[in-house]
Amino acid sequence: ASLVKETDVFLVQHSSGTTGLQKPIA
């Protein structure tokens, strides 16, 4: 855990998909 860098991705957030395909945001 201590080797993780601040520029590493922390989470993947998805849009709701209300108006189209759900899109992932890193």
PDB file of all heavy atoms in Angstrom:
ATOM      1  N   ALA A   1       0.829  -1.203   0.000  1.00  0.00           N
ATOM      2  CA  ALA A   1       0.000   0.000   0.000  1.00  0.00           C
ATOM      3  C   ALA A   1       0.866   1.257   0.000  1.00  0.00           C
ATOM      4  O   ALA A   1       0.511   2.277  -0.601  1.00  0.00           O
ATOM      5  CB  ALA A   1      -0.931  -0.006   1.218  1.00  0.00           C
ATOM      6  N   SER A   2       2.021   1.174   0.665  1.00  0.00           N
ATOM      7  CA  SER A   2       2.915   2.330   0.742  1.00  0.00           C
ATOM      8  C   SER A   2       3.592   2.634  -0.594  1.00  0.00           C
ATOM      9  O   SER A   2       4.133   3.725  -0.790  1.00  0.00           O
ATOM     10  CB  SER A   2       3.977   2.114   1.816  1.00  0.00           C
ATOM     11  OG  SER A   2       4.874   1.081   1.434  1.00  0.00           O
ATOM     12  N   LEU A   3       3.561   1.671  -1.515  1.00  0.00           N
ATOM     13  CA  LEU A   3       4.196   1.859  -2.819  1.00  0.00           C
ATOM     14  C   LEU A   3       3.262   2.508  -3.842  1.00  0.00           C
ATOM     15  O   LEU A   3       3.696   2.887  -4.924  1.00  0.00           O
ATOM     16  CB  LEU A   3       4.688   0.509  -3.370  1.00  0.00           C
ATOM     17  CG  LEU A   3       5.761  -0.203  -2.547  1.00  0.00           C
ATOM     18  CD1 LEU A   3       6.086  -1.558  -3.159  1.00  0.00           C
ATOM     19  CD2 LEU A   3       7.015   0.655  -2.419  1.00  0.00           C
ATOM     20  N   VAL A   4       1.990   2.629  -3.483  1.00  0.00           N
ATOM     21  CA  VAL A   4       1.028   3.263  -4.391  1.00  0.00           C
ATOM     22  C   VAL A   4       1.379   4.737  -4.537  1.00  0.00           C
ATOM     23  O   VAL A   4       1.680   5.422  -3.559  1.00  0.00           O
ATOM     24  CB  VAL A   4      -0.416   3.097  -3.853  1.00  0.00           C
ATOM     25  CG1 VAL A   4      -1.402   3.876  -4.709  1.00  0.00           C
ATOM     26  CG2 VAL A   4      -0.795   1.622  -3.815  1.00  0.00           C
ATOM     27  N   LYS A   5       1.326   5.240  -5.757  1.00  0.00           N
ATOM     28  CA  LYS A   5       1.688   6.634  -6.040  1.00  0.00           C
ATOM     29  C   LYS A   5       0.446   7.498  -6.169  1.00  0.00           C
ATOM     30  O   LYS A   5      -0.646   7.003  -6.474  1.00  0.00           O
ATOM     31  CB  LYS A   5       2.515   6.708  -7.329  1.00  0.00           C
ATOM     32  CG  LYS A   5       3.813   5.906  -7.290  1.00  0.00           C
ATOM     33  CD  LYS A   5       4.667   6.127  -8.526  1.00  0.00           C
ATOM     34  CE  LYS A   5       4.013   5.606  -9.788  1.00  0.00           C
ATOM     35  NZ  LYS A   5       3.919   4.123  -9.793  1.00  0.00           N
ATOM     36  N   GLU A   6       0.608   8.796  -5.946  1.00  0.00           N
ATOM     37  CA  GLU A   6      -0.523   9.717  -6.024  1.00  0.00           C
ATOM     38  C   GLU A   6      -1.126   9.782  -7.421  1.00  0.00           C
ATOM     39  O   GLU A   6      -2.299  10.100  -7.587  1.00  0.00           O
ATOM     40  CB  GLU A   6      -0.103  11.122  -5.585  1.00  0.00           C
ATOM     41  CG  GLU A   6       0.949  11.776  -6.457  1.00  0.00           C
ATOM     42  CD  GLU A   6       1.285  13.181  -5.995  1.00  0.00           C
ATOM     43  OE1 GLU A   6       0.400  13.851  -5.415  1.00  0.00           O
ATOM     44  OE2 GLU A   6       2.426  13.611  -6.202  1.00  0.00           O
ATOM     45  N   THR A   7      -0.336   9.463  -8.430  1.00  0.00           N
ATOM     46  CA  THR A   7      -0.833   9.490  -9.812  1.00  0.00           C
ATOM     47  C   THR A   7      -1.502   8.183 -10.223  1.00  0.00           C
ATOM     48  O   THR A   7      -2.025   8.073 -11.334  1.00  0.00           O
ATOM     49  CB  THR A   7       0.329   9.792 -10.777  1.00  0.00           C
ATOM     50  OG1 THR A   7       1.398   8.879 -10.520  1.00  0.00           O
ATOM     51  CG2 THR A   7       0.822  11.225 -10.600  1.00  0.00           C
ATOM     52  N   ASP A   8      -1.478   7.183  -9.342  1.00  0.00           N
ATOM     53  CA  ASP A   8      -2.154   5.916  -9.641  1.00  0.00           C
ATOM     54  C   ASP A   8      -3.666   6.106  -9.560  1.00  0.00           C
ATOM     55  O   ASP A   8      -4.180   6.947  -8.801  1.00  0.00           O
ATOM     56  CB  ASP A   8      -1.739   4.837  -8.635  1.00  0.00           C
ATOM     57  CG  ASP A   8      -0.324   4.335  -8.879  1.00  0.00           C
ATOM     58  OD1 ASP A   8       0.231   4.626  -9.958  1.00  0.00           O
ATOM     59  OD2 ASP A   8       0.220   3.660  -7.978  1.00  0.00           O
ATOM     60  N   VAL A   9      -4.379   5.303 -10.324  1.00  0.00           N
ATOM     61  CA  VAL A   9      -5.848   5.342 -10.257  1.00  0.00           C
ATOM     62  C   VAL A   9      -6.306   4.811  -8.909  1.00  0.00           C
ATOM     63  O   VAL A   9      -5.781   3.811  -8.399  1.00  0.00           O
ATOM     64  CB  VAL A   9      -6.458   4.506 -11.404  1.00  0.00           C
ATOM     65  CG1 VAL A   9      -7.981   4.427 -11.260  1.00  0.00           C
ATOM     66  CG2 VAL A   9      -6.089   5.114 -12.753  1.00  0.00           C
ATOM     67  N   PHE A  10      -7.269   5.512  -8.315  1.00  0.00           N
ATOM     68  CA  PHE A  10      -7.820   5.106  -7.020  1.00  0.00           C
ATOM     69  C   PHE A  10      -9.137   4.357  -7.188  1.00  0.00           C
ATOM     70  O   PHE A  10      -9.372   3.334  -6.552  1.00  0.00           O
ATOM     71  CB  PHE A  10      -8.032   6.330  -6.127  1.00  0.00           C
ATOM     72  CG  PHE A  10      -8.893   6.058  -4.933  1.00  0.00           C
ATOM     73  CD1 PHE A  10      -8.426   5.295  -3.891  1.00  0.00           C
ATOM     74  CD2 PHE A  10     -10.196   6.550  -4.853  1.00  0.00           C
ATOM     75  CE1 PHE A  10      -9.223   5.013  -2.788  1.00  0.00           C
ATOM     76  CE2 PHE A  10     -10.999   6.282  -3.759  1.00  0.00           C
ATOM     77  CZ  PHE A  10     -10.516   5.517  -2.726  1.00  0.00           C
ATOM     78  N   LEU A  11     -10.020   4.884  -8.026  1.00  0.00           N
ATOM     79  CA  LEU A  11     -11.325   4.259  -8.203  1.00  0.00           C
ATOM     80  C   LEU A  11     -11.792   4.408  -9.644  1.00  0.00           C
ATOM     81  O   LEU A  11     -11.291   5.251 -10.396  1.00  0.00           O
ATOM     82  CB  LEU A  11     -12.362   4.839  -7.243  1.00  0.00           C
ATOM     83  CG  LEU A  11     -12.861   6.274  -7.450  1.00  0.00           C
ATOM     84  CD1 LEU A  11     -14.068   6.303  -8.390  1.00  0.00           C
ATOM     85  CD2 LEU A  11     -13.237   6.918  -6.129  1.00  0.00           C
ATOM     86  N   VAL A  12     -12.752   3.570 -10.002  1.00  0.00           N
ATOM     87  CA  VAL A  12     -13.416   3.676 -11.298  1.00  0.00           C
ATOM     88  C   VAL A  12     -14.871   4.024 -11.023  1.00  0.00           C
ATOM     89  O   VAL A  12     -15.585   3.256 -10.377  1.00  0.00           O
ATOM     90  CB  VAL A  12     -13.314   2.367 -12.100  1.00  0.00           C
ATOM     91  CG1 VAL A  12     -14.081   2.492 -13.416  1.00  0.00           C
ATOM     92  CG2 VAL A  12     -11.853   2.023 -12.370  1.00  0.00           C
ATOM     93  N   GLN A  13     -15.275   5.194 -11.480  1.00  0.00           N
ATOM     94  CA  GLN A  13     -16.646   5.661 -11.268  1.00  0.00           C
ATOM     95  C   GLN A  13     -17.399   5.577 -12.587  1.00  0.00           C
ATOM     96  O   GLN A  13     -16.890   5.994 -13.631  1.00  0.00           O
ATOM     97  CB  GLN A  13     -16.641   7.112 -10.753  1.00  0.00           C
ATOM     98  CG  GLN A  13     -18.011   7.701 -10.502  1.00  0.00           C
ATOM     99  CD  GLN A  13     -18.693   7.111  -9.274  1.00  0.00           C
ATOM    100  OE1 GLN A  13     -18.151   6.208  -8.628  1.00  0.00           O
ATOM    101  NE2 GLN A  13     -19.859   7.605  -8.942  1.00  0.00           N
ATOM    102  N   HIS A  14     -18.607   5.005 -12.562  1.00  0.00           N
ATOM    103  CA  HIS A  14     -19.407   4.860 -13.777  1.00  0.00           C
ATOM    104  C   HIS A  14     -20.540   5.878 -13.806  1.00  0.00           C
ATOM    105  O   HIS A  14     -21.155   6.164 -12.781  1.00  0.00           O
ATOM    106  CB  HIS A  14     -19.994   3.451 -13.872  1.00  0.00           C
ATOM    107  CG  HIS A  14     -18.979   2.399 -14.200  1.00  0.00           C
ATOM    108  ND1 HIS A  14     -18.185   1.814 -13.242  1.00  0.00           N
ATOM    109  CD2 HIS A  14     -18.605   1.843 -15.380  1.00  0.00           C
ATOM    110  CE1 HIS A  14     -17.380   0.926 -13.819  1.00  0.00           C
ATOM    111  NE2 HIS A  14     -17.615   0.932 -15.102  1.00  0.00           N
ATOM    112  N   SER A  15     -20.805   6.398 -14.992  1.00  0.00           N
ATOM    113  CA  SER A  15     -21.967   7.258 -15.163  1.00  0.00           C
ATOM    114  C   SER A  15     -23.227   6.404 -15.030  1.00  0.00           C
ATOM    115  O   SER A  15     -23.177   5.175 -15.086  1.00  0.00           O
ATOM    116  CB  SER A  15     -21.924   7.940 -16.533  1.00  0.00           C
ATOM    117  OG  SER A  15     -21.959   6.977 -17.573  1.00  0.00           O
ATOM    118  N   SER A  16     -24.367   7.060 -14.883  1.00  0.00           N
ATOM    119  CA  SER A  16     -25.612   6.332 -14.607  1.00  0.00           C
ATOM    120  C   SER A  16     -26.142   5.570 -15.809  1.00  0.00           C
ATOM    121  O   SER A  16     -26.881   4.599 -15.661  1.00  0.00           O
ATOM    122  CB  SER A  16     -26.686   7.311 -14.122  1.00  0.00           C
ATOM    123  OG  SER A  16     -27.023   8.216 -15.162  1.00  0.00           O
ATOM    124  N   GLY A  17     -25.793   6.009 -17.020  1.00  0.00           N
ATOM    125  CA  GLY A  17     -26.307   5.347 -18.203  1.00  0.00           C
ATOM    126  C   GLY A  17     -27.707   5.776 -18.577  1.00  0.00           C
ATOM    127  O   GLY A  17     -28.355   5.147 -19.412  1.00  0.00           O
ATOM    128  N   THR A  18     -28.186   6.870 -17.975  1.00  0.00           N
ATOM    129  CA  THR A  18     -29.541   7.327 -18.242  1.00  0.00           C
ATOM    130  C   THR A  18     -29.736   7.683 -19.711  1.00  0.00           C
ATOM    131  O   THR A  18     -30.779   7.410 -20.309  1.00  0.00           O
ATOM    132  CB  THR A  18     -29.869   8.560 -17.367  1.00  0.00           C
ATOM    133  OG1 THR A  18     -29.645   8.214 -16.011  1.00  0.00           O
ATOM    134  CG2 THR A  18     -31.322   8.972 -17.549  1.00  0.00           C
ATOM    135  N   THR A  19     -28.732   8.311 -20.326  1.00  0.00           N
ATOM    136  CA  THR A  19     -28.860   8.783 -21.707  1.00  0.00           C
ATOM    137  C   THR A  19     -28.005   7.975 -22.683  1.00  0.00           C
ATOM    138  O   THR A  19     -27.817   8.389 -23.827  1.00  0.00           O
ATOM    139  CB  THR A  19     -28.450  10.264 -21.800  1.00  0.00           C
ATOM    140  OG1 THR A  19     -27.101  10.405 -21.319  1.00  0.00           O
ATOM    141  CG2 THR A  19     -29.365  11.122 -20.955  1.00  0.00           C
ATOM    142  N   GLY A  20     -27.484   6.838 -22.260  1.00  0.00           N
ATOM    143  CA  GLY A  20     -26.657   6.025 -23.153  1.00  0.00           C
ATOM    144  C   GLY A  20     -25.902   4.984 -22.361  1.00  0.00           C
ATOM    145  O   GLY A  20     -26.263   4.655 -21.235  1.00  0.00           O
ATOM    146  N   LEU A  21     -24.858   4.450 -22.947  1.00  0.00           N
ATOM    147  CA  LEU A  21     -24.050   3.445 -22.280  1.00  0.00           C
ATOM    148  C   LEU A  21     -23.361   4.035 -21.052  1.00  0.00           C
ATOM    149  O   LEU A  21     -22.948   5.189 -21.063  1.00  0.00           O
ATOM    150  CB  LEU A  21     -22.992   2.901 -23.244  1.00  0.00           C
ATOM    151  CG  LEU A  21     -23.501   2.127 -24.463  1.00  0.00           C
ATOM    152  CD1 LEU A  21     -22.337   1.796 -25.385  1.00  0.00           C
ATOM    153  CD2 LEU A  21     -24.240   0.870 -24.053  1.00  0.00           C
ATOM    154  N   GLN A  22     -23.269   3.219 -19.995  1.00  0.00           N
ATOM    155  CA  GLN A  22     -22.553   3.673 -18.808  1.00  0.00           C
ATOM    156  C   GLN A  22     -21.064   3.794 -19.122  1.00  0.00           C
ATOM    157  O   GLN A  22     -20.468   2.901 -19.707  1.00  0.00           O
ATOM    158  CB  GLN A  22     -22.781   2.690 -17.658  1.00  0.00           C
ATOM    159  CG  GLN A  22     -24.201   2.765 -17.104  1.00  0.00           C
ATOM    160  CD  GLN A  22     -24.486   1.669 -16.122  1.00  0.00           C
ATOM    161  OE1 GLN A  22     -24.644   0.530 -16.505  1.00  0.00           O
ATOM    162  NE2 GLN A  22     -24.548   2.007 -14.854  1.00  0.00           N
ATOM    163  N   LYS A  23     -20.492   4.917 -18.754  1.00  0.00           N
ATOM    164  CA  LYS A  23     -19.102   5.208 -19.113  1.00  0.00           C
ATOM    165  C   LYS A  23     -18.237   5.226 -17.858  1.00  0.00           C
ATOM    166  O   LYS A  23     -18.607   5.825 -16.851  1.00  0.00           O
ATOM    167  CB  LYS A  23     -19.033   6.560 -19.830  1.00  0.00           C
ATOM    168  CG  LYS A  23     -19.874   6.605 -21.110  1.00  0.00           C
ATOM    169  CD  LYS A  23     -19.979   8.012 -21.657  1.00  0.00           C
ATOM    170  CE  LYS A  23     -20.890   8.033 -22.880  1.00  0.00           C
ATOM    171  NZ  LYS A  23     -22.283   7.678 -22.533  1.00  0.00           N
ATOM    172  N   PRO A  24     -17.065   4.572 -17.907  1.00  0.00           N
ATOM    173  CA  PRO A  24     -16.171   4.548 -16.749  1.00  0.00           C
ATOM    174  C   PRO A  24     -15.245   5.755 -16.725  1.00  0.00           C
ATOM    175  O   PRO A  24     -14.754   6.193 -17.766  1.00  0.00           O
ATOM    176  CB  PRO A  24     -15.376   3.269 -16.973  1.00  0.00           C
ATOM    177  CG  PRO A  24     -15.300   3.133 -18.465  1.00  0.00           C
ATOM    178  CD  PRO A  24     -16.577   3.710 -19.003  1.00  0.00           C
ATOM    179  N   ILE A  25     -15.032   6.297 -15.532  1.00  0.00           N
ATOM    180  CA  ILE A  25     -14.106   7.412 -15.340  1.00  0.00           C
ATOM    181  C   ILE A  25     -13.080   6.970 -14.310  1.00  0.00           C
ATOM    182  O   ILE A  25     -13.431   6.530 -13.207  1.00  0.00           O
ATOM    183  CB  ILE A  25     -14.826   8.685 -14.846  1.00  0.00           C
ATOM    184  CG1 ILE A  25     -15.851   9.177 -15.865  1.00  0.00           C
ATOM    185  CG2 ILE A  25     -13.814   9.789 -14.559  1.00  0.00           C
ATOM    186  CD1 ILE A  25     -17.237   8.663 -15.639  1.00  0.00           C
ATOM    187  N   ALA A  26     -11.803   7.046 -14.671  1.00  0.00           N
ATOM    188  CA  ALA A  26     -10.725   6.679 -13.753  1.00  0.00           C
ATOM    189  C   ALA A  26     -10.308   7.904 -12.955  1.00  0.00           C
ATOM    190  O   ALA A  26      -9.966   8.938 -13.519  1.00  0.00           O
ATOM    191  CB  ALA A  26      -9.541   6.118 -14.530  1.00  0.00           C
TER     192      ALA A  26
END
